[in-house]
């Protein structure tokens, strides 16, 4: 299935991911892996509104045009829109799964995963082949999504959702956290943003 393995001791292992408290010792991946120095995670609810879709498309397009790689979790809703928009405008995108790469979850995103790989992107996981998509895997994988990224943009986060877990991971890892209003994360200290240029201006000092 052309699934490869990368250890934390390999030179191709993402440098930024090594900086977090508990980086995965092994990454399984399919596609093209190389040191992405300008990554932003775009995550959000699985049950998005039409406004959430539009905001995700707008921000993802703007970030890709500014040279950023889009990281997300291949989940339904905001994640899928982020990946699809990045591909539509010729960008690179990384999908982090919470199960083995021999089993794409959710199944309706099998073709999307193939497009990510075929476009020069990569799908990856810390879980080996045959590892099922257990519920407890996904909160753990969220630290990888934020760990690969300079910042996390959250669109339409629901209470106790995985995207809020990703945001908390980002804060613990010293990453920037942005939120599209209205968003409960703003009350917790995330920076409210209304257009992608606000994000790129802030991150200019980092990259």
N, C-alpha and C. Protein backbone atom coordinates (compact mmCIF):
# COMPACT_ATOMS: atom_id res chain seq x y z
N UNK A 1 0.82 -1.22 0.00
CA UNK A 1 0.00 0.00 0.00
C UNK A 1 0.85 1.26 0.00
N UNK A 2 2.15 1.08 -0.13
CA UNK A 2 3.09 2.22 -0.18
C UNK A 2 3.05 3.07 1.09
N UNK A 3 2.81 2.44 2.22
CA UNK A 3 2.85 3.12 3.51
C UNK A 3 4.27 3.02 4.06
N UNK A 4 4.84 4.14 4.43
CA UNK A 4 6.22 4.17 4.90
C UNK A 4 6.26 4.57 6.37
N UNK A 5 7.43 4.36 6.97
CA UNK A 5 7.59 4.66 8.39
C UNK A 5 8.73 5.65 8.60
N UNK A 6 8.50 6.56 9.51
CA UNK A 6 9.50 7.58 9.82
C UNK A 6 9.66 7.62 11.34
N UNK A 7 10.89 7.53 11.81
CA UNK A 7 11.11 7.60 13.26
C UNK A 7 11.62 8.99 13.65
N UNK A 8 11.54 9.28 14.91
CA UNK A 8 11.94 10.59 15.41
C UNK A 8 13.44 10.84 15.20
N UNK A 9 14.19 9.78 14.92
CA UNK A 9 15.63 9.91 14.70
C UNK A 9 15.99 10.16 13.24
N UNK A 10 15.01 10.06 12.35
CA UNK A 10 15.26 10.28 10.92
C UNK A 10 15.30 11.78 10.61
N UNK A 11 16.16 12.16 9.70
CA UNK A 11 16.33 13.58 9.37
C UNK A 11 15.09 14.18 8.73
N UNK A 12 14.26 13.34 8.12
CA UNK A 12 13.04 13.85 7.48
C UNK A 12 11.93 14.13 8.48
N UNK A 13 12.10 13.70 9.72
CA UNK A 13 11.06 13.90 10.74
C UNK A 13 10.85 15.40 10.94
N UNK A 14 9.60 15.86 10.95
CA UNK A 14 9.34 17.31 11.07
C UNK A 14 9.98 17.91 12.32
N UNK A 15 10.84 18.87 12.12
CA UNK A 15 11.56 19.50 13.23
C UNK A 15 10.62 20.14 14.23
N UNK A 16 9.60 20.81 13.74
CA UNK A 16 8.66 21.51 14.63
C UNK A 16 7.91 20.54 15.53
N UNK A 17 7.67 19.31 15.03
CA UNK A 17 6.96 18.31 15.83
C UNK A 17 7.83 17.78 16.96
N UNK A 18 9.15 17.77 16.75
CA UNK A 18 10.06 17.33 17.80
C UNK A 18 10.03 18.25 19.01
N UNK A 19 9.58 19.48 18.83
CA UNK A 19 9.62 20.48 19.89
C UNK A 19 8.53 20.29 20.93
N UNK A 20 7.49 19.50 20.63
CA UNK A 20 6.39 19.37 21.59
C UNK A 20 6.78 18.42 22.71
N UNK A 21 5.97 18.42 23.76
CA UNK A 21 6.29 17.65 24.97
C UNK A 21 6.36 16.15 24.70
N UNK A 22 5.43 15.65 23.91
CA UNK A 22 5.34 14.20 23.70
C UNK A 22 5.19 13.86 22.21
N UNK A 23 6.22 14.11 21.42
CA UNK A 23 6.14 13.81 19.99
C UNK A 23 6.04 12.30 19.75
N UNK A 24 5.32 11.90 18.72
CA UNK A 24 5.26 10.46 18.41
C UNK A 24 6.63 9.94 17.99
N UNK A 25 7.00 8.80 18.52
CA UNK A 25 8.31 8.23 18.18
C UNK A 25 8.34 7.71 16.75
N UNK A 26 7.19 7.31 16.26
CA UNK A 26 7.09 6.77 14.90
C UNK A 26 5.90 7.40 14.20
N UNK A 27 6.09 7.76 12.95
CA UNK A 27 5.00 8.23 12.10
C UNK A 27 4.89 7.30 10.89
N UNK A 28 3.70 6.87 10.61
CA UNK A 28 3.43 6.12 9.38
C UNK A 28 2.82 7.11 8.39
N UNK A 29 3.29 7.06 7.16
CA UNK A 29 2.79 8.06 6.22
C UNK A 29 2.67 7.50 4.81
N UNK A 30 1.85 8.18 4.04
CA UNK A 30 1.67 7.86 2.64
C UNK A 30 1.62 9.16 1.87
N UNK A 31 2.50 9.30 0.90
CA UNK A 31 2.59 10.55 0.16
C UNK A 31 3.98 11.13 0.24
N UNK A 32 4.06 12.44 0.12
CA UNK A 32 5.34 13.14 0.09
C UNK A 32 5.56 13.86 1.40
N UNK A 33 6.63 13.50 2.11
CA UNK A 33 6.93 14.15 3.37
C UNK A 33 8.23 14.92 3.24
N UNK A 34 8.21 16.16 3.69
CA UNK A 34 9.41 16.97 3.74
C UNK A 34 9.19 18.06 4.77
N UNK A 35 10.24 18.73 5.18
CA UNK A 35 10.09 19.72 6.26
C UNK A 35 9.21 20.90 5.86
N UNK A 36 7.95 20.87 6.23
CA UNK A 36 7.05 22.00 5.99
C UNK A 36 7.27 23.03 7.08
N UNK A 37 7.86 24.15 6.74
CA UNK A 37 8.17 25.16 7.74
C UNK A 37 7.02 26.15 7.95
N UNK A 38 6.07 26.17 7.04
CA UNK A 38 4.95 27.10 7.15
C UNK A 38 3.63 26.33 7.10
N UNK A 39 3.25 25.77 8.24
CA UNK A 39 2.00 25.02 8.34
C UNK A 39 1.03 25.73 9.27
N UNK A 40 -0.24 25.70 8.90
CA UNK A 40 -1.30 26.19 9.77
C UNK A 40 -2.40 25.12 9.81
N UNK A 41 -2.84 24.80 11.01
CA UNK A 41 -3.95 23.86 11.17
C UNK A 41 -5.27 24.61 11.04
N UNK A 42 -6.18 24.03 10.28
CA UNK A 42 -7.54 24.56 10.15
C UNK A 42 -8.49 23.46 10.59
N UNK A 43 -9.17 23.67 11.71
CA UNK A 43 -10.03 22.63 12.28
C UNK A 43 -11.35 23.25 12.73
N UNK A 44 -12.32 22.38 12.99
CA UNK A 44 -13.60 22.88 13.44
C UNK A 44 -14.63 21.77 13.55
N UNK A 45 -15.86 22.16 13.68
CA UNK A 45 -16.93 21.21 13.94
C UNK A 45 -17.22 20.31 12.75
N UNK A 46 -17.72 19.12 13.05
CA UNK A 46 -18.17 18.22 12.00
C UNK A 46 -19.53 18.65 11.46
N UNK A 47 -20.31 19.34 12.30
CA UNK A 47 -21.66 19.78 11.91
C UNK A 47 -21.63 21.27 11.63
N UNK A 48 -21.03 21.62 10.51
CA UNK A 48 -20.81 23.03 10.18
C UNK A 48 -22.06 23.67 9.60
N UNK A 49 -22.11 24.97 9.70
CA UNK A 49 -23.16 25.75 9.06
C UNK A 49 -22.66 26.20 7.68
N UNK A 50 -23.54 26.79 6.90
CA UNK A 50 -23.12 27.33 5.60
C UNK A 50 -22.10 28.46 5.79
N UNK A 51 -22.30 29.26 6.85
CA UNK A 51 -21.35 30.32 7.15
C UNK A 51 -19.99 29.75 7.50
N UNK A 52 -19.99 28.66 8.26
CA UNK A 52 -18.73 28.01 8.62
C UNK A 52 -17.99 27.50 7.39
N UNK A 53 -18.73 26.94 6.45
CA UNK A 53 -18.12 26.49 5.20
C UNK A 53 -17.48 27.66 4.44
N UNK A 54 -18.22 28.74 4.34
CA UNK A 54 -17.72 29.90 3.60
C UNK A 54 -16.46 30.47 4.26
N UNK A 55 -16.48 30.57 5.58
CA UNK A 55 -15.32 31.10 6.29
C UNK A 55 -14.11 30.19 6.13
N UNK A 56 -14.35 28.89 6.19
CA UNK A 56 -13.25 27.94 6.02
C UNK A 56 -12.64 28.05 4.64
N UNK A 57 -13.48 28.15 3.63
CA UNK A 57 -12.99 28.29 2.26
C UNK A 57 -12.20 29.59 2.09
N UNK A 58 -12.73 30.68 2.65
CA UNK A 58 -12.06 31.98 2.52
C UNK A 58 -10.69 31.97 3.18
N UNK A 59 -10.63 31.50 4.42
CA UNK A 59 -9.37 31.51 5.15
C UNK A 59 -8.37 30.53 4.56
N UNK A 60 -8.83 29.34 4.21
CA UNK A 60 -7.91 28.34 3.65
C UNK A 60 -7.31 28.84 2.35
N UNK A 61 -8.13 29.39 1.48
CA UNK A 61 -7.63 29.92 0.21
C UNK A 61 -6.59 31.00 0.45
N UNK A 62 -6.89 31.94 1.35
CA UNK A 62 -5.96 33.02 1.62
C UNK A 62 -4.64 32.53 2.20
N UNK A 63 -4.71 31.54 3.09
CA UNK A 63 -3.49 31.01 3.70
C UNK A 63 -2.64 30.24 2.69
N UNK A 64 -3.29 29.50 1.81
CA UNK A 64 -2.54 28.79 0.75
C UNK A 64 -1.87 29.79 -0.17
N UNK A 65 -2.59 30.83 -0.55
CA UNK A 65 -2.03 31.85 -1.43
C UNK A 65 -0.83 32.55 -0.79
N UNK A 66 -0.80 32.56 0.54
CA UNK A 66 0.33 33.17 1.26
C UNK A 66 1.47 32.19 1.48
N UNK A 67 1.32 30.98 0.95
CA UNK A 67 2.41 30.01 0.99
C UNK A 67 2.37 29.03 2.14
N UNK A 68 1.23 28.91 2.82
CA UNK A 68 1.13 28.00 3.95
C UNK A 68 0.58 26.64 3.54
N UNK A 69 1.08 25.60 4.20
CA UNK A 69 0.55 24.25 4.09
C UNK A 69 -0.58 24.11 5.10
N UNK A 70 -1.68 23.49 4.68
CA UNK A 70 -2.86 23.34 5.55
C UNK A 70 -2.84 21.95 6.20
N UNK A 71 -2.92 21.95 7.52
CA UNK A 71 -2.96 20.70 8.29
C UNK A 71 -4.36 20.54 8.87
N UNK A 72 -4.92 19.34 8.78
CA UNK A 72 -6.21 19.08 9.40
C UNK A 72 -6.36 17.59 9.64
N UNK A 73 -7.56 17.17 10.07
CA UNK A 73 -7.72 15.80 10.53
C UNK A 73 -8.55 14.88 9.67
N UNK A 74 -8.90 15.30 8.45
CA UNK A 74 -9.67 14.48 7.50
C UNK A 74 -11.06 14.11 8.04
N UNK A 75 -11.51 14.81 9.06
CA UNK A 75 -12.84 14.52 9.63
C UNK A 75 -13.93 15.14 8.76
N UNK A 76 -15.15 14.79 9.06
CA UNK A 76 -16.28 15.41 8.38
C UNK A 76 -16.35 16.90 8.74
N UNK A 77 -17.02 17.67 7.92
CA UNK A 77 -17.24 19.07 8.24
C UNK A 77 -16.08 19.97 7.88
N UNK A 78 -15.67 20.81 8.83
CA UNK A 78 -14.67 21.85 8.58
C UNK A 78 -13.36 21.24 8.08
N UNK A 79 -12.91 20.14 8.68
CA UNK A 79 -11.65 19.52 8.26
C UNK A 79 -11.67 19.19 6.77
N UNK A 80 -12.73 18.54 6.33
CA UNK A 80 -12.83 18.13 4.93
C UNK A 80 -12.83 19.34 4.00
N UNK A 81 -13.55 20.38 4.38
CA UNK A 81 -13.60 21.60 3.55
C UNK A 81 -12.21 22.23 3.46
N UNK A 82 -11.47 22.23 4.56
CA UNK A 82 -10.12 22.80 4.55
C UNK A 82 -9.22 22.04 3.58
N UNK A 83 -9.25 20.71 3.66
CA UNK A 83 -8.43 19.90 2.74
C UNK A 83 -8.85 20.14 1.29
N UNK A 84 -10.14 20.09 1.02
CA UNK A 84 -10.63 20.23 -0.35
C UNK A 84 -10.32 21.61 -0.92
N UNK A 85 -10.45 22.65 -0.11
CA UNK A 85 -10.16 23.99 -0.59
C UNK A 85 -8.68 24.15 -0.90
N UNK A 86 -7.82 23.61 -0.03
CA UNK A 86 -6.38 23.68 -0.28
C UNK A 86 -6.04 23.01 -1.61
N UNK A 87 -6.64 21.86 -1.87
CA UNK A 87 -6.38 21.15 -3.13
C UNK A 87 -6.91 21.95 -4.32
N UNK A 88 -8.08 22.55 -4.15
CA UNK A 88 -8.73 23.27 -5.26
C UNK A 88 -7.90 24.45 -5.73
N UNK A 89 -7.13 25.06 -4.83
CA UNK A 89 -6.33 26.23 -5.21
C UNK A 89 -4.85 25.86 -5.39
N UNK A 90 -4.58 24.56 -5.52
CA UNK A 90 -3.22 24.12 -5.81
C UNK A 90 -2.27 24.10 -4.63
N UNK A 91 -2.83 24.03 -3.42
CA UNK A 91 -1.98 24.04 -2.23
C UNK A 91 -1.60 22.65 -1.76
N UNK A 92 -0.70 22.63 -0.78
CA UNK A 92 -0.29 21.38 -0.15
C UNK A 92 -1.08 21.22 1.16
N UNK A 93 -1.50 19.99 1.43
CA UNK A 93 -2.24 19.75 2.65
C UNK A 93 -1.81 18.44 3.31
N UNK A 94 -1.88 18.42 4.62
CA UNK A 94 -1.47 17.26 5.42
C UNK A 94 -2.67 16.81 6.24
N UNK A 95 -2.99 15.52 6.17
CA UNK A 95 -4.09 14.95 6.96
C UNK A 95 -3.52 14.04 8.03
N UNK A 96 -3.91 14.27 9.27
CA UNK A 96 -3.46 13.45 10.39
C UNK A 96 -4.61 12.58 10.85
N UNK A 97 -4.43 11.28 10.79
CA UNK A 97 -5.50 10.33 11.10
C UNK A 97 -5.34 9.77 12.52
N UNK A 98 -6.46 9.28 13.05
CA UNK A 98 -6.44 8.66 14.37
C UNK A 98 -6.55 7.15 14.30
N UNK A 99 -6.05 6.58 13.21
CA UNK A 99 -6.11 5.13 13.00
C UNK A 99 -5.06 4.75 11.97
N UNK A 100 -4.92 3.44 11.69
CA UNK A 100 -3.96 2.99 10.69
C UNK A 100 -4.31 3.46 9.30
N UNK A 101 -3.28 3.69 8.48
CA UNK A 101 -3.50 4.25 7.15
C UNK A 101 -4.08 3.25 6.16
N UNK A 102 -4.17 2.01 6.55
CA UNK A 102 -4.81 1.02 5.67
C UNK A 102 -6.33 1.12 5.73
N UNK A 103 -6.82 1.98 6.62
CA UNK A 103 -8.26 2.13 6.80
C UNK A 103 -8.58 3.62 6.93
N UNK A 104 -9.10 4.20 5.87
CA UNK A 104 -9.41 5.63 5.89
C UNK A 104 -10.74 5.85 6.61
N UNK A 105 -10.70 6.74 7.59
CA UNK A 105 -11.91 7.07 8.35
C UNK A 105 -12.07 8.58 8.40
N UNK A 106 -13.28 9.09 8.12
CA UNK A 106 -14.50 8.37 7.73
C UNK A 106 -14.40 7.83 6.30
N UNK A 107 -15.13 6.75 6.00
CA UNK A 107 -15.00 6.10 4.69
C UNK A 107 -15.35 6.99 3.52
N UNK A 108 -16.22 7.98 3.71
CA UNK A 108 -16.58 8.86 2.59
C UNK A 108 -15.42 9.75 2.16
N UNK A 109 -14.33 9.75 2.93
CA UNK A 109 -13.17 10.56 2.57
C UNK A 109 -12.03 9.75 1.96
N UNK A 110 -12.34 8.54 1.53
CA UNK A 110 -11.31 7.71 0.88
C UNK A 110 -10.76 8.40 -0.36
N UNK A 111 -11.64 8.93 -1.21
CA UNK A 111 -11.18 9.61 -2.42
C UNK A 111 -10.44 10.89 -2.09
N UNK A 112 -10.87 11.60 -1.05
CA UNK A 112 -10.16 12.81 -0.64
C UNK A 112 -8.74 12.48 -0.19
N UNK A 113 -8.58 11.39 0.55
CA UNK A 113 -7.25 10.97 0.98
C UNK A 113 -6.36 10.66 -0.22
N UNK A 114 -6.94 10.02 -1.22
CA UNK A 114 -6.18 9.70 -2.44
C UNK A 114 -5.75 10.97 -3.15
N UNK A 115 -6.65 11.95 -3.23
CA UNK A 115 -6.32 13.22 -3.89
C UNK A 115 -5.21 13.95 -3.14
N UNK A 116 -5.23 13.90 -1.81
CA UNK A 116 -4.17 14.55 -1.03
C UNK A 116 -2.82 13.94 -1.36
N UNK A 117 -2.76 12.62 -1.40
CA UNK A 117 -1.51 11.93 -1.71
C UNK A 117 -1.06 12.21 -3.13
N UNK A 118 -1.99 12.11 -4.08
CA UNK A 118 -1.65 12.28 -5.50
C UNK A 118 -1.27 13.71 -5.85
N UNK A 119 -1.68 14.67 -5.00
CA UNK A 119 -1.37 16.07 -5.28
C UNK A 119 -0.04 16.52 -4.69
N UNK A 120 0.66 15.60 -4.04
CA UNK A 120 1.93 15.97 -3.42
C UNK A 120 1.84 16.21 -1.93
N UNK A 121 0.65 15.97 -1.38
CA UNK A 121 0.48 16.09 0.06
C UNK A 121 0.79 14.78 0.76
N UNK A 122 0.36 14.67 2.01
CA UNK A 122 0.67 13.45 2.77
C UNK A 122 -0.44 13.20 3.79
N UNK A 123 -0.75 11.92 3.99
CA UNK A 123 -1.58 11.50 5.10
C UNK A 123 -0.68 10.75 6.07
N UNK A 124 -0.87 10.96 7.35
CA UNK A 124 0.03 10.33 8.31
C UNK A 124 -0.70 9.99 9.61
N UNK A 125 -0.07 9.12 10.39
CA UNK A 125 -0.65 8.67 11.64
C UNK A 125 0.46 8.10 12.52
N UNK A 126 0.27 8.16 13.83
CA UNK A 126 1.20 7.49 14.72
C UNK A 126 0.78 6.04 14.96
N UNK A 127 -0.38 5.67 14.41
CA UNK A 127 -0.90 4.32 14.61
C UNK A 127 -0.53 3.42 13.43
N UNK A 128 -0.10 2.19 13.70
CA UNK A 128 0.29 1.27 12.62
C UNK A 128 -0.92 0.75 11.86
N UNK A 129 -0.66 0.06 10.78
CA UNK A 129 -1.74 -0.56 10.00
C UNK A 129 -2.58 -1.47 10.89
N UNK A 130 -3.84 -1.54 10.58
CA UNK A 130 -4.83 -2.37 11.27
C UNK A 130 -5.30 -1.75 12.59
N UNK A 131 -4.74 -0.60 13.01
CA UNK A 131 -5.24 0.06 14.20
C UNK A 131 -6.59 0.69 13.88
N UNK A 132 -7.65 0.34 14.59
CA UNK A 132 -8.99 0.86 14.28
C UNK A 132 -9.16 2.29 14.75
N UNK A 133 -10.15 2.99 14.23
CA UNK A 133 -10.40 4.37 14.65
C UNK A 133 -11.15 4.44 15.98
N UNK A 134 -10.47 4.13 17.07
CA UNK A 134 -11.09 4.16 18.39
C UNK A 134 -11.31 5.61 18.82
N UNK A 135 -12.39 5.88 19.55
CA UNK A 135 -12.68 7.26 19.99
C UNK A 135 -11.53 7.90 20.77
N UNK A 136 -10.84 7.11 21.58
CA UNK A 136 -9.76 7.68 22.39
C UNK A 136 -8.52 8.06 21.57
N UNK A 137 -8.45 7.58 20.33
CA UNK A 137 -7.29 7.91 19.48
C UNK A 137 -7.30 9.36 19.01
N UNK A 138 -8.48 9.92 18.82
CA UNK A 138 -8.59 11.21 18.16
C UNK A 138 -8.14 12.39 19.03
N UNK A 139 -8.50 12.42 20.32
CA UNK A 139 -7.93 13.50 21.14
C UNK A 139 -6.40 13.45 21.18
N UNK A 140 -5.85 12.24 21.17
CA UNK A 140 -4.40 12.10 21.21
C UNK A 140 -3.76 12.57 19.91
N UNK A 141 -4.40 12.28 18.79
CA UNK A 141 -3.82 12.67 17.50
C UNK A 141 -3.85 14.18 17.31
N UNK A 142 -4.75 14.88 18.05
CA UNK A 142 -4.87 16.32 17.87
C UNK A 142 -3.61 17.07 18.25
N UNK A 143 -2.81 16.49 19.16
CA UNK A 143 -1.54 17.14 19.53
C UNK A 143 -0.57 17.14 18.35
N UNK A 144 -0.74 16.18 17.43
CA UNK A 144 0.11 16.13 16.23
C UNK A 144 -0.33 17.20 15.24
N UNK A 145 -1.64 17.39 15.10
CA UNK A 145 -2.14 18.43 14.21
C UNK A 145 -1.59 19.79 14.62
N UNK A 146 -1.70 20.11 15.91
CA UNK A 146 -1.17 21.40 16.38
C UNK A 146 0.35 21.40 16.42
N UNK A 147 0.94 20.25 16.71
CA UNK A 147 2.39 20.16 16.80
C UNK A 147 3.10 20.38 15.48
N UNK A 148 2.44 20.07 14.39
CA UNK A 148 3.01 20.28 13.06
C UNK A 148 2.88 21.73 12.59
N UNK A 149 2.11 22.52 13.33
CA UNK A 149 1.68 23.82 12.85
C UNK A 149 2.24 24.99 13.65
N UNK A 150 2.42 26.11 12.98
CA UNK A 150 2.81 27.34 13.65
C UNK A 150 1.63 27.93 14.41
N UNK A 151 0.43 27.65 13.92
CA UNK A 151 -0.78 28.21 14.52
C UNK A 151 -1.96 27.31 14.20
N UNK A 152 -3.03 27.50 14.97
CA UNK A 152 -4.26 26.74 14.76
C UNK A 152 -5.41 27.73 14.56
N UNK A 153 -6.15 27.56 13.48
CA UNK A 153 -7.35 28.35 13.23
C UNK A 153 -8.56 27.46 13.49
N UNK A 154 -9.44 27.90 14.38
CA UNK A 154 -10.62 27.12 14.74
C UNK A 154 -11.86 27.81 14.19
N UNK A 155 -12.64 27.06 13.43
CA UNK A 155 -13.90 27.56 12.86
C UNK A 155 -15.06 26.78 13.47
N UNK A 156 -15.98 27.49 14.08
CA UNK A 156 -17.18 26.86 14.65
C UNK A 156 -16.86 25.70 15.59
N UNK A 157 -16.16 25.98 16.66
CA UNK A 157 -15.88 24.95 17.65
C UNK A 157 -17.11 24.70 18.51
N UNK A 158 -17.40 23.43 18.73
CA UNK A 158 -18.50 23.05 19.62
C UNK A 158 -17.93 22.74 21.01
N UNK A 159 -18.77 22.86 22.02
CA UNK A 159 -18.33 22.57 23.38
C UNK A 159 -17.86 21.12 23.48
N UNK A 160 -16.69 20.91 24.10
CA UNK A 160 -16.09 19.58 24.28
C UNK A 160 -15.74 18.90 22.95
N UNK A 161 -15.55 19.68 21.91
CA UNK A 161 -15.23 19.10 20.60
C UNK A 161 -13.74 18.83 20.46
N UNK A 162 -13.40 18.05 19.44
CA UNK A 162 -12.00 17.77 19.18
C UNK A 162 -11.21 19.00 18.80
N UNK A 163 -11.87 19.95 18.15
CA UNK A 163 -11.16 21.17 17.76
C UNK A 163 -10.76 22.00 18.98
N UNK A 164 -11.55 21.95 20.05
CA UNK A 164 -11.16 22.63 21.28
C UNK A 164 -9.97 21.94 21.93
N UNK A 165 -9.93 20.63 21.81
CA UNK A 165 -8.77 19.88 22.32
C UNK A 165 -7.52 20.28 21.54
N UNK A 166 -7.67 20.41 20.22
CA UNK A 166 -6.54 20.84 19.40
C UNK A 166 -6.07 22.22 19.81
N UNK A 167 -7.01 23.11 20.09
CA UNK A 167 -6.66 24.47 20.53
C UNK A 167 -5.91 24.44 21.86
N UNK A 168 -6.36 23.61 22.79
CA UNK A 168 -5.67 23.50 24.07
C UNK A 168 -4.25 22.95 23.88
N UNK A 169 -4.12 21.97 23.01
CA UNK A 169 -2.79 21.43 22.70
C UNK A 169 -1.88 22.53 22.15
N UNK A 170 -2.45 23.35 21.27
CA UNK A 170 -1.68 24.43 20.66
C UNK A 170 -1.18 25.40 21.73
N UNK A 171 -2.04 25.75 22.66
CA UNK A 171 -1.64 26.66 23.74
C UNK A 171 -0.51 26.05 24.56
N UNK A 172 -0.65 24.78 24.91
CA UNK A 172 0.38 24.09 25.69
C UNK A 172 1.70 24.02 24.93
N UNK A 173 1.62 23.97 23.61
CA UNK A 173 2.82 23.86 22.78
C UNK A 173 3.39 25.22 22.40
N UNK A 174 2.76 26.29 22.86
CA UNK A 174 3.24 27.63 22.56
C UNK A 174 2.90 28.12 21.17
N UNK A 175 1.87 27.54 20.57
CA UNK A 175 1.44 27.96 19.24
C UNK A 175 0.38 29.06 19.34
N UNK A 176 0.24 29.80 18.26
CA UNK A 176 -0.82 30.81 18.17
C UNK A 176 -2.16 30.11 17.96
N UNK A 177 -3.22 30.67 18.52
CA UNK A 177 -4.56 30.15 18.31
C UNK A 177 -5.46 31.28 17.82
N UNK A 178 -6.10 31.05 16.67
CA UNK A 178 -7.00 32.03 16.08
C UNK A 178 -8.40 31.43 16.00
N UNK A 179 -9.40 32.28 16.07
CA UNK A 179 -10.78 31.81 16.00
C UNK A 179 -11.59 32.76 15.13
N UNK A 180 -12.49 32.17 14.36
CA UNK A 180 -13.38 32.96 13.50
C UNK A 180 -14.63 33.29 14.30
N UNK A 181 -14.94 34.56 14.50
CA UNK A 181 -16.14 34.93 15.26
C UNK A 181 -17.41 34.51 14.52
N UNK A 182 -18.50 34.22 15.28
CA UNK A 182 -18.50 34.07 16.75
C UNK A 182 -17.93 32.73 17.15
N UNK A 183 -17.20 32.68 18.23
CA UNK A 183 -16.52 31.45 18.63
C UNK A 183 -16.22 31.53 20.12
N UNK A 184 -16.61 30.50 20.86
CA UNK A 184 -16.40 30.49 22.31
C UNK A 184 -14.92 30.56 22.69
N UNK A 185 -14.04 30.17 21.78
CA UNK A 185 -12.60 30.21 22.07
C UNK A 185 -12.12 31.63 22.31
N UNK A 186 -12.80 32.59 21.72
CA UNK A 186 -12.40 33.99 21.89
C UNK A 186 -12.49 34.38 23.37
N UNK A 187 -13.50 33.83 24.05
CA UNK A 187 -13.64 34.11 25.48
C UNK A 187 -12.52 33.48 26.29
N UNK A 188 -11.83 32.51 25.71
CA UNK A 188 -10.74 31.82 26.41
C UNK A 188 -9.37 32.37 26.01
N UNK A 189 -9.37 33.44 25.22
CA UNK A 189 -8.10 34.08 24.90
C UNK A 189 -7.61 33.91 23.49
N UNK A 190 -8.34 33.16 22.65
CA UNK A 190 -7.93 33.03 21.25
C UNK A 190 -8.10 34.38 20.55
N UNK A 191 -7.28 34.62 19.54
CA UNK A 191 -7.36 35.88 18.80
C UNK A 191 -8.47 35.80 17.74
N UNK A 192 -9.37 36.74 17.80
CA UNK A 192 -10.44 36.80 16.80
C UNK A 192 -9.87 37.33 15.49
N UNK A 193 -10.21 36.67 14.39
CA UNK A 193 -9.74 37.11 13.07
C UNK A 193 -10.92 37.15 12.11
N UNK A 194 -10.86 38.11 11.19
CA UNK A 194 -11.94 38.28 10.23
C UNK A 194 -11.49 38.03 8.79
N UNK A 195 -10.18 37.97 8.56
CA UNK A 195 -9.66 37.66 7.24
C UNK A 195 -8.28 37.02 7.37
N UNK A 196 -7.85 36.25 6.37
CA UNK A 196 -6.57 35.54 6.48
C UNK A 196 -5.36 36.44 6.58
N UNK A 197 -5.46 37.67 6.09
CA UNK A 197 -4.32 38.59 6.16
C UNK A 197 -3.94 38.92 7.60
N UNK A 198 -4.93 38.91 8.49
CA UNK A 198 -4.62 39.15 9.89
C UNK A 198 -3.71 38.07 10.45
N UNK A 199 -3.94 36.83 10.04
CA UNK A 199 -3.11 35.71 10.50
C UNK A 199 -1.71 35.81 9.92
N UNK A 200 -1.62 36.04 8.62
CA UNK A 200 -0.30 36.08 7.98
C UNK A 200 0.53 37.25 8.50
N UNK A 201 -0.12 38.36 8.81
CA UNK A 201 0.63 39.51 9.36
C UNK A 201 1.23 39.16 10.72
N UNK A 202 0.47 38.48 11.56
CA UNK A 202 0.95 38.09 12.88
C UNK A 202 2.08 37.07 12.79
N UNK A 203 1.95 36.14 11.85
CA UNK A 203 2.95 35.07 11.74
C UNK A 203 4.20 35.49 10.99
N UNK A 204 4.21 36.66 10.42
CA UNK A 204 5.40 37.12 9.71
C UNK A 204 6.62 37.16 10.63
N UNK A 205 6.38 37.40 11.89
CA UNK A 205 7.48 37.47 12.85
C UNK A 205 8.01 36.09 13.20
N UNK A 206 7.24 35.05 12.87
CA UNK A 206 7.63 33.69 13.24
C UNK A 206 8.36 32.98 12.11
N UNK A 207 7.91 33.24 10.87
CA UNK A 207 8.46 32.51 9.72
C UNK A 207 9.43 33.37 8.92
